[in-house]
Amino acid sequence: WVFALLFPSVLLLSTLAILQVEKTYEQLTTSEGTSLHLLVSQL
């Protein structure tokens, strides 16, 4: 019963963290990519 409660909780927290990290990474890439795209458009 203890492991049945702990492991889903840990799995849920880990999944949320991974998804948030991937989302943040994507947002960072998109943000910097937008800056680069603006420079390229200017050139």
PDB file of all heavy atoms in Angstrom:
ATOM      1  N   TRP A   1       0.824  -1.207   0.000  1.00  0.00           N
ATOM      2  CA  TRP A   1       0.000   0.000   0.000  1.00  0.00           C
ATOM      3  C   TRP A   1       0.858   1.258   0.000  1.00  0.00           C
ATOM      4  O   TRP A   1       0.518   2.259  -0.663  1.00  0.00           O
ATOM      5  CB  TRP A   1      -0.924  -0.001   1.217  1.00  0.00           C
ATOM      6  CG  TRP A   1      -2.149  -0.839   1.006  1.00  0.00           C
ATOM      7  CD1 TRP A   1      -2.431  -2.052   1.550  1.00  0.00           C
ATOM      8  CD2 TRP A   1      -3.255  -0.527   0.152  1.00  0.00           C
ATOM      9  NE1 TRP A   1      -3.634  -2.524   1.101  1.00  0.00           N
ATOM     10  CE2 TRP A   1      -4.175  -1.607   0.244  1.00  0.00           C
ATOM     11  CE3 TRP A   1      -3.561   0.549  -0.674  1.00  0.00           C
ATOM     12  CZ2 TRP A   1      -5.361  -1.626  -0.461  1.00  0.00           C
ATOM     13  CZ3 TRP A   1      -4.752   0.531  -1.376  1.00  0.00           C
ATOM     14  CH2 TRP A   1      -5.642  -0.546  -1.266  1.00  0.00           C
ATOM     15  N   VAL A   2       1.945   1.248   0.740  1.00  0.00           N
ATOM     16  CA  VAL A   2       2.814   2.425   0.760  1.00  0.00           C
ATOM     17  C   VAL A   2       3.413   2.685  -0.613  1.00  0.00           C
ATOM     18  O   VAL A   2       3.384   3.813  -1.137  1.00  0.00           O
ATOM     19  CB  VAL A   2       3.930   2.239   1.818  1.00  0.00           C
ATOM     20  CG1 VAL A   2       4.995   3.316   1.664  1.00  0.00           C
ATOM     21  CG2 VAL A   2       3.343   2.287   3.213  1.00  0.00           C
ATOM     22  N   PHE A   3       3.965   1.625  -1.237  1.00  0.00           N
ATOM     23  CA  PHE A   3       4.561   1.804  -2.562  1.00  0.00           C
ATOM     24  C   PHE A   3       3.493   2.121  -3.607  1.00  0.00           C
ATOM     25  O   PHE A   3       3.755   2.843  -4.570  1.00  0.00           O
ATOM     26  CB  PHE A   3       5.332   0.558  -2.960  1.00  0.00           C
ATOM     27  CG  PHE A   3       6.582   0.344  -2.147  1.00  0.00           C
ATOM     28  CD1 PHE A   3       7.035  -0.929  -1.847  1.00  0.00           C
ATOM     29  CD2 PHE A   3       7.291   1.416  -1.670  1.00  0.00           C
ATOM     30  CE1 PHE A   3       8.172  -1.127  -1.086  1.00  0.00           C
ATOM     31  CE2 PHE A   3       8.424   1.239  -0.905  1.00  0.00           C
ATOM     32  CZ  PHE A   3       8.873  -0.026  -0.621  1.00  0.00           C
ATOM     33  N   ALA A   4       2.303   1.582  -3.423  1.00  0.00           N
ATOM     34  CA  ALA A   4       1.220   1.881  -4.369  1.00  0.00           C
ATOM     35  C   ALA A   4       0.837   3.354  -4.319  1.00  0.00           C
ATOM     36  O   ALA A   4       0.348   3.903  -5.312  1.00  0.00           O
ATOM     37  CB  ALA A   4       0.007   1.011  -4.057  1.00  0.00           C
ATOM     38  N   LEU A   5       1.049   3.991  -3.180  1.00  0.00           N
ATOM     39  CA  LEU A   5       0.766   5.424  -3.072  1.00  0.00           C
ATOM     40  C   LEU A   5       1.961   6.279  -3.466  1.00  0.00           C
ATOM     41  O   LEU A   5       1.800   7.335  -4.085  1.00  0.00           O
ATOM     42  CB  LEU A   5       0.352   5.762  -1.629  1.00  0.00           C
ATOM     43  CG  LEU A   5      -0.982   5.169  -1.154  1.00  0.00           C
ATOM     44  CD1 LEU A   5      -1.195   5.492   0.319  1.00  0.00           C
ATOM     45  CD2 LEU A   5      -2.131   5.717  -1.982  1.00  0.00           C
ATOM     46  N   LEU A   6       3.166   5.832  -3.122  1.00  0.00           N
ATOM     47  CA  LEU A   6       4.345   6.653  -3.369  1.00  0.00           C
ATOM     48  C   LEU A   6       4.742   6.673  -4.841  1.00  0.00           C
ATOM     49  O   LEU A   6       5.002   7.738  -5.416  1.00  0.00           O
ATOM     50  CB  LEU A   6       5.516   6.150  -2.517  1.00  0.00           C
ATOM     51  CG  LEU A   6       5.455   6.464  -1.025  1.00  0.00           C
ATOM     52  CD1 LEU A   6       6.678   5.910  -0.314  1.00  0.00           C
ATOM     53  CD2 LEU A   6       5.359   7.957  -0.794  1.00  0.00           C
ATOM     54  N   PHE A   7       4.800   5.496  -5.467  1.00  0.00           N
ATOM     55  CA  PHE A   7       5.311   5.441  -6.825  1.00  0.00           C
ATOM     56  C   PHE A   7       4.453   6.219  -7.819  1.00  0.00           C
ATOM     57  O   PHE A   7       4.989   6.934  -8.670  1.00  0.00           O
ATOM     58  CB  PHE A   7       5.472   3.988  -7.267  1.00  0.00           C
ATOM     59  CG  PHE A   7       6.775   3.387  -6.834  1.00  0.00           C
ATOM     60  CD1 PHE A   7       6.820   2.402  -5.876  1.00  0.00           C
ATOM     61  CD2 PHE A   7       7.970   3.824  -7.365  1.00  0.00           C
ATOM     62  CE1 PHE A   7       8.023   1.851  -5.453  1.00  0.00           C
ATOM     63  CE2 PHE A   7       9.174   3.293  -6.959  1.00  0.00           C
ATOM     64  CZ  PHE A   7       9.204   2.304  -6.005  1.00  0.00           C
ATOM     65  N   PRO A   8       3.115   6.123  -7.775  1.00  0.00           N
ATOM     66  CA  PRO A   8       2.337   6.975  -8.694  1.00  0.00           C
ATOM     67  C   PRO A   8       2.572   8.461  -8.452  1.00  0.00           C
ATOM     68  O   PRO A   8       2.609   9.245  -9.396  1.00  0.00           O
ATOM     69  CB  PRO A   8       0.892   6.563  -8.395  1.00  0.00           C
ATOM     70  CG  PRO A   8       0.984   5.191  -7.854  1.00  0.00           C
ATOM     71  CD  PRO A   8       2.250   5.161  -7.081  1.00  0.00           C
ATOM     72  N   SER A   9       2.739   8.831  -7.179  1.00  0.00           N
ATOM     73  CA  SER A   9       2.995  10.239  -6.878  1.00  0.00           C
ATOM     74  C   SER A   9       4.325  10.689  -7.459  1.00  0.00           C
ATOM     75  O   SER A   9       4.432  11.757  -8.091  1.00  0.00           O
ATOM     76  CB  SER A   9       2.986  10.459  -5.357  1.00  0.00           C
ATOM     77  OG  SER A   9       1.756  10.066  -4.798  1.00  0.00           O
ATOM     78  N   VAL A  10       5.353   9.861  -7.258  1.00  0.00           N
ATOM     79  CA  VAL A  10       6.668  10.196  -7.818  1.00  0.00           C
ATOM     80  C   VAL A  10       6.613  10.214  -9.340  1.00  0.00           C
ATOM     81  O   VAL A  10       7.189  11.099  -9.998  1.00  0.00           O
ATOM     82  CB  VAL A  10       7.720   9.189  -7.310  1.00  0.00           C
ATOM     83  CG1 VAL A  10       9.050   9.418  -8.016  1.00  0.00           C
ATOM     84  CG2 VAL A  10       7.902   9.313  -5.811  1.00  0.00           C
ATOM     85  N   LEU A  11       5.917   9.246  -9.917  1.00  0.00           N
ATOM     86  CA  LEU A  11       5.806   9.189 -11.374  1.00  0.00           C
ATOM     87  C   LEU A  11       5.084  10.415 -11.912  1.00  0.00           C
ATOM     88  O   LEU A  11       5.486  10.995 -12.934  1.00  0.00           O
ATOM     89  CB  LEU A  11       5.065   7.909 -11.777  1.00  0.00           C
ATOM     90  CG  LEU A  11       4.928   7.653 -13.281  1.00  0.00           C
ATOM     91  CD1 LEU A  11       6.296   7.514 -13.925  1.00  0.00           C
ATOM     92  CD2 LEU A  11       4.100   6.400 -13.531  1.00  0.00           C
ATOM     93  N   LEU A  12       4.022  10.828 -11.221  1.00  0.00           N
ATOM     94  CA  LEU A  12       3.278  12.011 -11.654  1.00  0.00           C
ATOM     95  C   LEU A  12       4.143  13.259 -11.562  1.00  0.00           C
ATOM     96  O   LEU A  12       4.181  14.075 -12.507  1.00  0.00           O
ATOM     97  CB  LEU A  12       2.027  12.161 -10.789  1.00  0.00           C
ATOM     98  CG  LEU A  12       1.141  13.389 -11.081  1.00  0.00           C
ATOM     99  CD1 LEU A  12       0.639  13.335 -12.517  1.00  0.00           C
ATOM    100  CD2 LEU A  12      -0.013  13.456 -10.098  1.00  0.00           C
ATOM    101  N   LEU A  13       4.850  13.419 -10.444  1.00  0.00           N
ATOM    102  CA  LEU A  13       5.717  14.584 -10.294  1.00  0.00           C
ATOM    103  C   LEU A  13       6.834  14.598 -11.334  1.00  0.00           C
ATOM    104  O   LEU A  13       7.143  15.646 -11.918  1.00  0.00           O
ATOM    105  CB  LEU A  13       6.317  14.600  -8.882  1.00  0.00           C
ATOM    106  CG  LEU A  13       5.348  14.878  -7.728  1.00  0.00           C
ATOM    107  CD1 LEU A  13       6.075  14.741  -6.393  1.00  0.00           C
ATOM    108  CD2 LEU A  13       4.739  16.260  -7.854  1.00  0.00           C
ATOM    109  N   SER A  14       7.427  13.437 -11.598  1.00  0.00           N
ATOM    110  CA  SER A  14       8.499  13.355 -12.582  1.00  0.00           C
ATOM    111  C   SER A  14       7.978  13.679 -13.974  1.00  0.00           C
ATOM    112  O   SER A  14       8.630  14.387 -14.758  1.00  0.00           O
ATOM    113  CB  SER A  14       9.127  11.961 -12.555  1.00  0.00           C
ATOM    114  OG  SER A  14       9.633  11.657 -11.278  1.00  0.00           O
ATOM    115  N   THR A  15       6.797  13.151 -14.304  1.00  0.00           N
ATOM    116  CA  THR A  15       6.225  13.426 -15.624  1.00  0.00           C
ATOM    117  C   THR A  15       5.927  14.902 -15.794  1.00  0.00           C
ATOM    118  O   THR A  15       6.227  15.496 -16.842  1.00  0.00           O
ATOM    119  CB  THR A  15       4.938  12.595 -15.807  1.00  0.00           C
ATOM    120  OG1 THR A  15       5.236  11.208 -15.628  1.00  0.00           O
ATOM    121  CG2 THR A  15       4.358  12.816 -17.194  1.00  0.00           C
ATOM    122  N   LEU A  16       5.330  15.514 -14.760  1.00  0.00           N
ATOM    123  CA  LEU A  16       5.048  16.950 -14.838  1.00  0.00           C
ATOM    124  C   LEU A  16       6.333  17.756 -14.990  1.00  0.00           C
ATOM    125  O   LEU A  16       6.382  18.714 -15.779  1.00  0.00           O
ATOM    126  CB  LEU A  16       4.303  17.399 -13.581  1.00  0.00           C
ATOM    127  CG  LEU A  16       2.856  16.903 -13.434  1.00  0.00           C
ATOM    128  CD1 LEU A  16       2.286  17.349 -12.091  1.00  0.00           C
ATOM    129  CD2 LEU A  16       1.989  17.424 -14.572  1.00  0.00           C
ATOM    130  N   ALA A  17       7.368  17.358 -14.253  1.00  0.00           N
ATOM    131  CA  ALA A  17       8.646  18.079 -14.353  1.00  0.00           C
ATOM    132  C   ALA A  17       9.245  17.946 -15.746  1.00  0.00           C
ATOM    133  O   ALA A  17       9.726  18.925 -16.338  1.00  0.00           O
ATOM    134  CB  ALA A  17       9.618  17.556 -13.292  1.00  0.00           C
ATOM    135  N   ILE A  18       9.215  16.721 -16.283  1.00  0.00           N
ATOM    136  CA  ILE A  18       9.789  16.499 -17.622  1.00  0.00           C
ATOM    137  C   ILE A  18       9.017  17.275 -18.680  1.00  0.00           C
ATOM    138  O   ILE A  18       9.600  17.926 -19.560  1.00  0.00           O
ATOM    139  CB  ILE A  18       9.804  14.996 -17.938  1.00  0.00           C
ATOM    140  CG1 ILE A  18      10.794  14.268 -17.024  1.00  0.00           C
ATOM    141  CG2 ILE A  18      10.175  14.760 -19.402  1.00  0.00           C
ATOM    142  CD1 ILE A  18      10.760  12.775 -17.154  1.00  0.00           C
ATOM    143  N   LEU A  19       7.681  17.228 -18.586  1.00  0.00           N
ATOM    144  CA  LEU A  19       6.869  17.968 -19.557  1.00  0.00           C
ATOM    145  C   LEU A  19       7.115  19.467 -19.451  1.00  0.00           C
ATOM    146  O   LEU A  19       7.201  20.165 -20.474  1.00  0.00           O
ATOM    147  CB  LEU A  19       5.392  17.655 -19.329  1.00  0.00           C
ATOM    148  CG  LEU A  19       4.944  16.225 -19.661  1.00  0.00           C
ATOM    149  CD1 LEU A  19       3.475  16.047 -19.325  1.00  0.00           C
ATOM    150  CD2 LEU A  19       5.188  15.903 -21.133  1.00  0.00           C
ATOM    151  N   GLN A  20       7.239  19.960 -18.221  1.00  0.00           N
ATOM    152  CA  GLN A  20       7.476  21.387 -18.048  1.00  0.00           C
ATOM    153  C   GLN A  20       8.850  21.782 -18.555  1.00  0.00           C
ATOM    154  O   GLN A  20       9.023  22.846 -19.168  1.00  0.00           O
ATOM    155  CB  GLN A  20       7.334  21.757 -16.570  1.00  0.00           C
ATOM    156  CG  GLN A  20       7.437  23.247 -16.286  1.00  0.00           C
ATOM    157  CD  GLN A  20       6.351  24.031 -16.969  1.00  0.00           C
ATOM    158  OE1 GLN A  20       5.227  23.549 -17.119  1.00  0.00           O
ATOM    159  NE2 GLN A  20       6.663  25.243 -17.399  1.00  0.00           N
ATOM    160  N   VAL A  21       9.846  20.913 -18.311  1.00  0.00           N
ATOM    161  CA  VAL A  21      11.199  21.196 -18.810  1.00  0.00           C
ATOM    162  C   VAL A  21      11.200  21.218 -20.331  1.00  0.00           C
ATOM    163  O   VAL A  21      11.804  22.102 -20.965  1.00  0.00           O
ATOM    164  CB  VAL A  21      12.188  20.163 -18.262  1.00  0.00           C
ATOM    165  CG1 VAL A  21      13.517  20.263 -18.991  1.00  0.00           C
ATOM    166  CG2 VAL A  21      12.410  20.382 -16.775  1.00  0.00           C
ATOM    167  N   GLU A  22      10.529  20.235 -20.938  1.00  0.00           N
ATOM    168  CA  GLU A  22      10.470  20.216 -22.404  1.00  0.00           C
ATOM    169  C   GLU A  22       9.747  21.451 -22.937  1.00  0.00           C
ATOM    170  O   GLU A  22      10.160  22.038 -23.945  1.00  0.00           O
ATOM    171  CB  GLU A  22       9.750  18.946 -22.863  1.00  0.00           C
ATOM    172  CG  GLU A  22      10.545  17.668 -22.611  1.00  0.00           C
ATOM    173  CD  GLU A  22       9.803  16.442 -23.078  1.00  0.00           C
ATOM    174  OE1 GLU A  22       8.611  16.576 -23.452  1.00  0.00           O
ATOM    175  OE2 GLU A  22      10.407  15.349 -23.081  1.00  0.00           O
ATOM    176  N   LYS A  23       8.678  21.847 -22.251  1.00  0.00           N
ATOM    177  CA  LYS A  23       7.944  23.032 -22.687  1.00  0.00           C
ATOM    178  C   LYS A  23       8.812  24.277 -22.548  1.00  0.00           C
ATOM    179  O   LYS A  23       8.846  25.137 -23.447  1.00  0.00           O
ATOM    180  CB  LYS A  23       6.670  23.179 -21.859  1.00  0.00           C
ATOM    181  CG  LYS A  23       5.801  24.341 -22.292  1.00  0.00           C
ATOM    182  CD  LYS A  23       4.528  24.402 -21.454  1.00  0.00           C
ATOM    183  CE  LYS A  23       3.663  25.594 -21.885  1.00  0.00           C
ATOM    184  NZ  LYS A  23       2.420  25.672 -21.082  1.00  0.00           N
ATOM    185  N   THR A  24       9.520  24.379 -21.421  1.00  0.00           N
ATOM    186  CA  THR A  24      10.405  25.524 -21.217  1.00  0.00           C
ATOM    187  C   THR A  24      11.524  25.536 -22.241  1.00  0.00           C
ATOM    188  O   THR A  24      11.894  26.599 -22.775  1.00  0.00           O
ATOM    189  CB  THR A  24      10.994  25.483 -19.794  1.00  0.00           C
ATOM    190  OG1 THR A  24       9.939  25.392 -18.843  1.00  0.00           O
ATOM    191  CG2 THR A  24      11.813  26.718 -19.512  1.00  0.00           C
ATOM    192  N   TYR A  25      12.066  24.339 -22.518  1.00  0.00           N
ATOM    193  CA  TYR A  25      13.121  24.244 -23.535  1.00  0.00           C
ATOM    194  C   TYR A  25      12.596  24.681 -24.898  1.00  0.00           C
ATOM    195  O   TYR A  25      13.271  25.408 -25.641  1.00  0.00           O
ATOM    196  CB  TYR A  25      13.622  22.793 -23.584  1.00  0.00           C
ATOM    197  CG  TYR A  25      14.684  22.539 -24.627  1.00  0.00           C
ATOM    198  CD1 TYR A  25      16.016  22.816 -24.354  1.00  0.00           C
ATOM    199  CD2 TYR A  25      14.359  22.017 -25.873  1.00  0.00           C
ATOM    200  CE1 TYR A  25      16.996  22.583 -25.298  1.00  0.00           C
ATOM    201  CE2 TYR A  25      15.330  21.785 -26.827  1.00  0.00           C
ATOM    202  CZ  TYR A  25      16.649  22.063 -26.533  1.00  0.00           C
ATOM    203  OH  TYR A  25      17.608  21.836 -27.477  1.00  0.00           O
ATOM    204  N   GLU A  26      11.388  24.249 -25.212  1.00  0.00           N
ATOM    205  CA  GLU A  26      10.796  24.645 -26.488  1.00  0.00           C
ATOM    206  C   GLU A  26      10.542  26.141 -26.532  1.00  0.00           C
ATOM    207  O   GLU A  26      10.775  26.792 -27.575  1.00  0.00           O
ATOM    208  CB  GLU A  26       9.491  23.872 -26.686  1.00  0.00           C
ATOM    209  CG  GLU A  26       8.817  24.144 -28.026  1.00  0.00           C
ATOM    210  CD  GLU A  26       7.547  23.346 -28.187  1.00  0.00           C
ATOM    211  OE1 GLU A  26       7.255  22.500 -27.317  1.00  0.00           O
ATOM    212  OE2 GLU A  26       6.822  23.578 -29.188  1.00  0.00           O
ATOM    213  N   GLN A  27      10.064  26.707 -25.423  1.00  0.00           N
ATOM    214  CA  GLN A  27       9.831  28.148 -25.385  1.00  0.00           C
ATOM    215  C   GLN A  27      11.136  28.926 -25.529  1.00  0.00           C
ATOM    216  O   GLN A  27      11.180  29.953 -26.228  1.00  0.00           O
ATOM    217  CB  GLN A  27       9.141  28.518 -24.070  1.00  0.00           C
ATOM    218  CG  GLN A  27       7.708  28.030 -23.968  1.00  0.00           C
ATOM    219  CD  GLN A  27       7.101  28.332 -22.612  1.00  0.00           C
ATOM    220  OE1 GLN A  27       7.801  28.714 -21.677  1.00  0.00           O
ATOM    221  NE2 GLN A  27       5.787  28.138 -22.487  1.00  0.00           N
ATOM    222  N   LEU A  28      12.194  28.421 -24.872  1.00  0.00           N
ATOM    223  CA  LEU A  28      13.496  29.080 -24.989  1.00  0.00           C
ATOM    224  C   LEU A  28      13.996  29.033 -26.421  1.00  0.00           C
ATOM    225  O   LEU A  28      14.468  30.042 -26.968  1.00  0.00           O
ATOM    226  CB  LEU A  28      14.497  28.419 -24.047  1.00  0.00           C
ATOM    227  CG  LEU A  28      15.934  28.953 -24.095  1.00  0.00           C
ATOM    228  CD1 LEU A  28      15.972  30.412 -23.668  1.00  0.00           C
ATOM    229  CD2 LEU A  28      16.841  28.120 -23.197  1.00  0.00           C
ATOM    230  N   THR A  29      13.887  27.849 -27.037  1.00  0.00           N
ATOM    231  CA  THR A  29      14.331  27.712 -28.427  1.00  0.00           C
ATOM    232  C   THR A  29      13.514  28.604 -29.348  1.00  0.00           C
ATOM    233  O   THR A  29      14.052  29.255 -30.254  1.00  0.00           O
ATOM    234  CB  THR A  29      14.211  26.249 -28.868  1.00  0.00           C
ATOM    235  OG1 THR A  29      14.939  25.423 -27.957  1.00  0.00           O
ATOM    236  CG2 THR A  29      14.762  26.054 -30.259  1.00  0.00           C
ATOM    237  N   THR A  30      12.207  28.642 -29.112  1.00  0.00           N
ATOM    238  CA  THR A  30      11.352  29.474 -29.947  1.00  0.00           C
ATOM    239  C   THR A  30      11.681  30.949 -29.781  1.00  0.00           C
ATOM    240  O   THR A  30      11.726  31.714 -30.755  1.00  0.00           O
ATOM    241  CB  THR A  30       9.878  29.220 -29.590  1.00  0.00           C
ATOM    242  OG1 THR A  30       9.588  27.833 -29.756  1.00  0.00           O
ATOM    243  CG2 THR A  30       8.957  30.031 -30.471  1.00  0.00           C
ATOM    244  N   SER A  31      11.919  31.363 -28.513  1.00  0.00           N
ATOM    245  CA  SER A  31      12.235  32.759 -28.252  1.00  0.00           C
ATOM    246  C   SER A  31      13.531  33.172 -28.943  1.00  0.00           C
ATOM    247  O   SER A  31      13.589  34.204 -29.636  1.00  0.00           O
ATOM    248  CB  SER A  31      12.333  32.995 -26.750  1.00  0.00           C
ATOM    249  OG  SER A  31      12.758  34.305 -26.460  1.00  0.00           O
ATOM    250  N   GLU A  32      14.579  32.374 -28.742  1.00  0.00           N
ATOM    251  CA  GLU A  32      15.863  32.704 -29.364  1.00  0.00           C
ATOM    252  C   GLU A  32      15.783  32.546 -30.874  1.00  0.00           C
ATOM    253  O   GLU A  32      16.407  33.305 -31.628  1.00  0.00           O
ATOM    254  CB  GLU A  32      16.971  31.820 -28.793  1.00  0.00           C
ATOM    255  CG  GLU A  32      17.184  31.972 -27.291  1.00  0.00           C
ATOM    256  CD  GLU A  32      17.636  33.373 -26.915  1.00  0.00           C
ATOM    257  OE1 GLU A  32      18.197  34.081 -27.782  1.00  0.00           O
ATOM    258  OE2 GLU A  32      17.423  33.760 -25.754  1.00  0.00           O
ATOM    259  N   GLY A  33      15.019  31.533 -31.338  1.00  0.00           N
ATOM    260  CA  GLY A  33      14.847  31.373 -32.776  1.00  0.00           C
ATOM    261  C   GLY A  33      14.131  32.556 -33.397  1.00  0.00           C
ATOM    262  O   GLY A  33      14.427  32.962 -34.534  1.00  0.00           O
ATOM    263  N   THR A  34      13.189  33.143 -32.641  1.00  0.00           N
ATOM    264  CA  THR A  34      12.499  34.331 -33.142  1.00  0.00           C
ATOM    265  C   THR A  34      13.460  35.499 -33.281  1.00  0.00           C
ATOM    266  O   THR A  34      13.414  36.257 -34.269  1.00  0.00           O
ATOM    267  CB  THR A  34      11.346  34.700 -32.188  1.00  0.00           C
ATOM    268  OG1 THR A  34      10.449  33.588 -32.092  1.00  0.00           O
ATOM    269  CG2 THR A  34      10.602  35.909 -32.682  1.00  0.00           C
ATOM    270  N   SER A  35      14.349  35.656 -32.297  1.00  0.00           N
ATOM    271  CA  SER A  35      15.355  36.729 -32.379  1.00  0.00           C
ATOM    272  C   SER A  35      16.242  36.546 -33.598  1.00  0.00           C
ATOM    273  O   SER A  35      16.528  37.516 -34.334  1.00  0.00           O
ATOM    274  CB  SER A  35      16.206  36.750 -31.111  1.00  0.00           C
ATOM    275  OG  SER A  35      15.406  36.963 -29.962  1.00  0.00           O
ATOM    276  N   LEU A  36      16.680  35.306 -33.821  1.00  0.00           N
ATOM    277  CA  LEU A  36      17.524  35.038 -34.986  1.00  0.00           C
ATOM    278  C   LEU A  36      16.750  35.279 -36.276  1.00  0.00           C
ATOM    279  O   LEU A  36      17.278  35.840 -37.245  1.00  0.00           O
ATOM    280  CB  LEU A  36      18.037  33.597 -34.933  1.00  0.00           C
ATOM    281  CG  LEU A  36      18.879  33.136 -36.120  1.00  0.00           C
ATOM    282  CD1 LEU A  36      20.140  33.977 -36.252  1.00  0.00           C
ATOM    283  CD2 LEU A  36      19.230  31.662 -35.990  1.00  0.00           C
ATOM    284  N   HIS A  37      15.493  34.872 -36.287  1.00  0.00           N
ATOM    285  CA  HIS A  37      14.687  35.045 -37.498  1.00  0.00           C
ATOM    286  C   HIS A  37      14.484  36.529 -37.819  1.00  0.00           C
ATOM    287  O   HIS A  37      14.479  36.926 -38.997  1.00  0.00           O
ATOM    288  CB  HIS A  37      13.341  34.352 -37.316  1.00  0.00           C
ATOM    289  CG  HIS A  37      12.472  34.419 -38.528  1.00  0.00           C
ATOM    290  ND1 HIS A  37      12.745  33.706 -39.682  1.00  0.00           N
ATOM    291  CD2 HIS A  37      11.327  35.139 -38.777  1.00  0.00           C
ATOM    292  CE1 HIS A  37      11.812  33.967 -40.584  1.00  0.00           C
ATOM    293  NE2 HIS A  37      10.942  34.829 -40.054  1.00  0.00           N
ATOM    294  N   LEU A  38      14.336  37.340 -36.772  1.00  0.00           N
ATOM    295  CA  LEU A  38      14.204  38.773 -37.006  1.00  0.00           C
ATOM    296  C   LEU A  38      15.472  39.350 -37.620  1.00  0.00           C
ATOM    297  O   LEU A  38      15.412  40.210 -38.529  1.00  0.00           O
ATOM    298  CB  LEU A  38      13.874  39.479 -35.684  1.00  0.00           C
ATOM    299  CG  LEU A  38      12.488  39.187 -35.100  1.00  0.00           C
ATOM    300  CD1 LEU A  38      12.338  39.866 -33.740  1.00  0.00           C
ATOM    301  CD2 LEU A  38      11.389  39.658 -36.039  1.00  0.00           C
ATOM    302  N   LEU A  39      16.635  38.901 -37.145  1.00  0.00           N
ATOM    303  CA  LEU A  39      17.900  39.367 -37.717  1.00  0.00           C
ATOM    304  C   LEU A  39      18.027  38.950 -39.175  1.00  0.00           C
ATOM    305  O   LEU A  39      18.428  39.750 -40.031  1.00  0.00           O
ATOM    306  CB  LEU A  39      19.071  38.826 -36.906  1.00  0.00           C
ATOM    307  CG  LEU A  39      19.235  39.330 -35.479  1.00  0.00           C
ATOM    308  CD1 LEU A  39      20.431  38.671 -34.817  1.00  0.00           C
ATOM    309  CD2 LEU A  39      19.398  40.847 -35.461  1.00  0.00           C
ATOM    310  N   VAL A  40      17.684  37.680 -39.432  1.00  0.00           N
ATOM    311  CA  VAL A  40      17.785  37.190 -40.796  1.00  0.00           C
ATOM    312  C   VAL A  40      16.810  37.943 -41.710  1.00  0.00           C
ATOM    313  O   VAL A  40      17.134  38.287 -42.857  1.00  0.00           O
ATOM    314  CB  VAL A  40      17.537  35.671 -40.841  1.00  0.00           C
ATOM    315  CG1 VAL A  40      17.458  35.172 -42.279  1.00  0.00           C
ATOM    316  CG2 VAL A  40      18.644  34.932 -40.098  1.00  0.00           C
ATOM    317  N   SER A  41      15.610  38.199 -41.199  1.00  0.00           N
ATOM    318  CA  SER A  41      14.633  38.952 -42.001  1.00  0.00           C
ATOM    319  C   SER A  41      15.155  40.346 -42.302  1.00  0.00           C
ATOM    320  O   SER A  41      14.990  40.869 -43.424  1.00  0.00           O
ATOM    321  CB  SER A  41      13.302  39.030 -41.249  1.00  0.00           C
ATOM    322  OG  SER A  41      12.774  37.736 -41.021  1.00  0.00           O
ATOM    323  N   GLN A  42      15.802  40.965 -41.307  1.00  0.00           N
ATOM    324  CA  GLN A  42      16.385  42.295 -41.523  1.00  0.00           C
ATOM    325  C   GLN A  42      17.464  42.238 -42.602  1.00  0.00           C
ATOM    326  O   GLN A  42      17.505  43.085 -43.498  1.00  0.00           O
ATOM    327  CB  GLN A  42      16.960  42.813 -40.215  1.00  0.00           C
ATOM    328  CG  GLN A  42      17.696  44.145 -40.332  1.00  0.00           C
ATOM    329  CD  GLN A  42      18.348  44.554 -39.041  1.00  0.00           C
ATOM    330  OE1 GLN A  42      18.043  44.012 -37.981  1.00  0.00           O
ATOM    331  NE2 GLN A  42      19.264  45.505 -39.115  1.00  0.00           N
ATOM    332  N   LEU A  43      18.334  41.233 -42.522  1.00  0.00           N
ATOM    333  CA  LEU A  43      19.391  41.101 -43.523  1.00  0.00           C
ATOM    334  C   LEU A  43      18.821  40.773 -44.896  1.00  0.00           C
ATOM    335  O   LEU A  43      19.350  41.245 -45.934  1.00  0.00           O
ATOM    336  CB  LEU A  43      20.383  40.026 -43.091  1.00  0.00           C
ATOM    337  CG  LEU A  43      21.203  40.331 -41.839  1.00  0.00           C
ATOM    338  CD1 LEU A  43      22.105  39.163 -41.501  1.00  0.00           C
ATOM    339  CD2 LEU A  43      22.035  41.598 -42.034  1.00  0.00           C
TER     340      LEU A  43
END
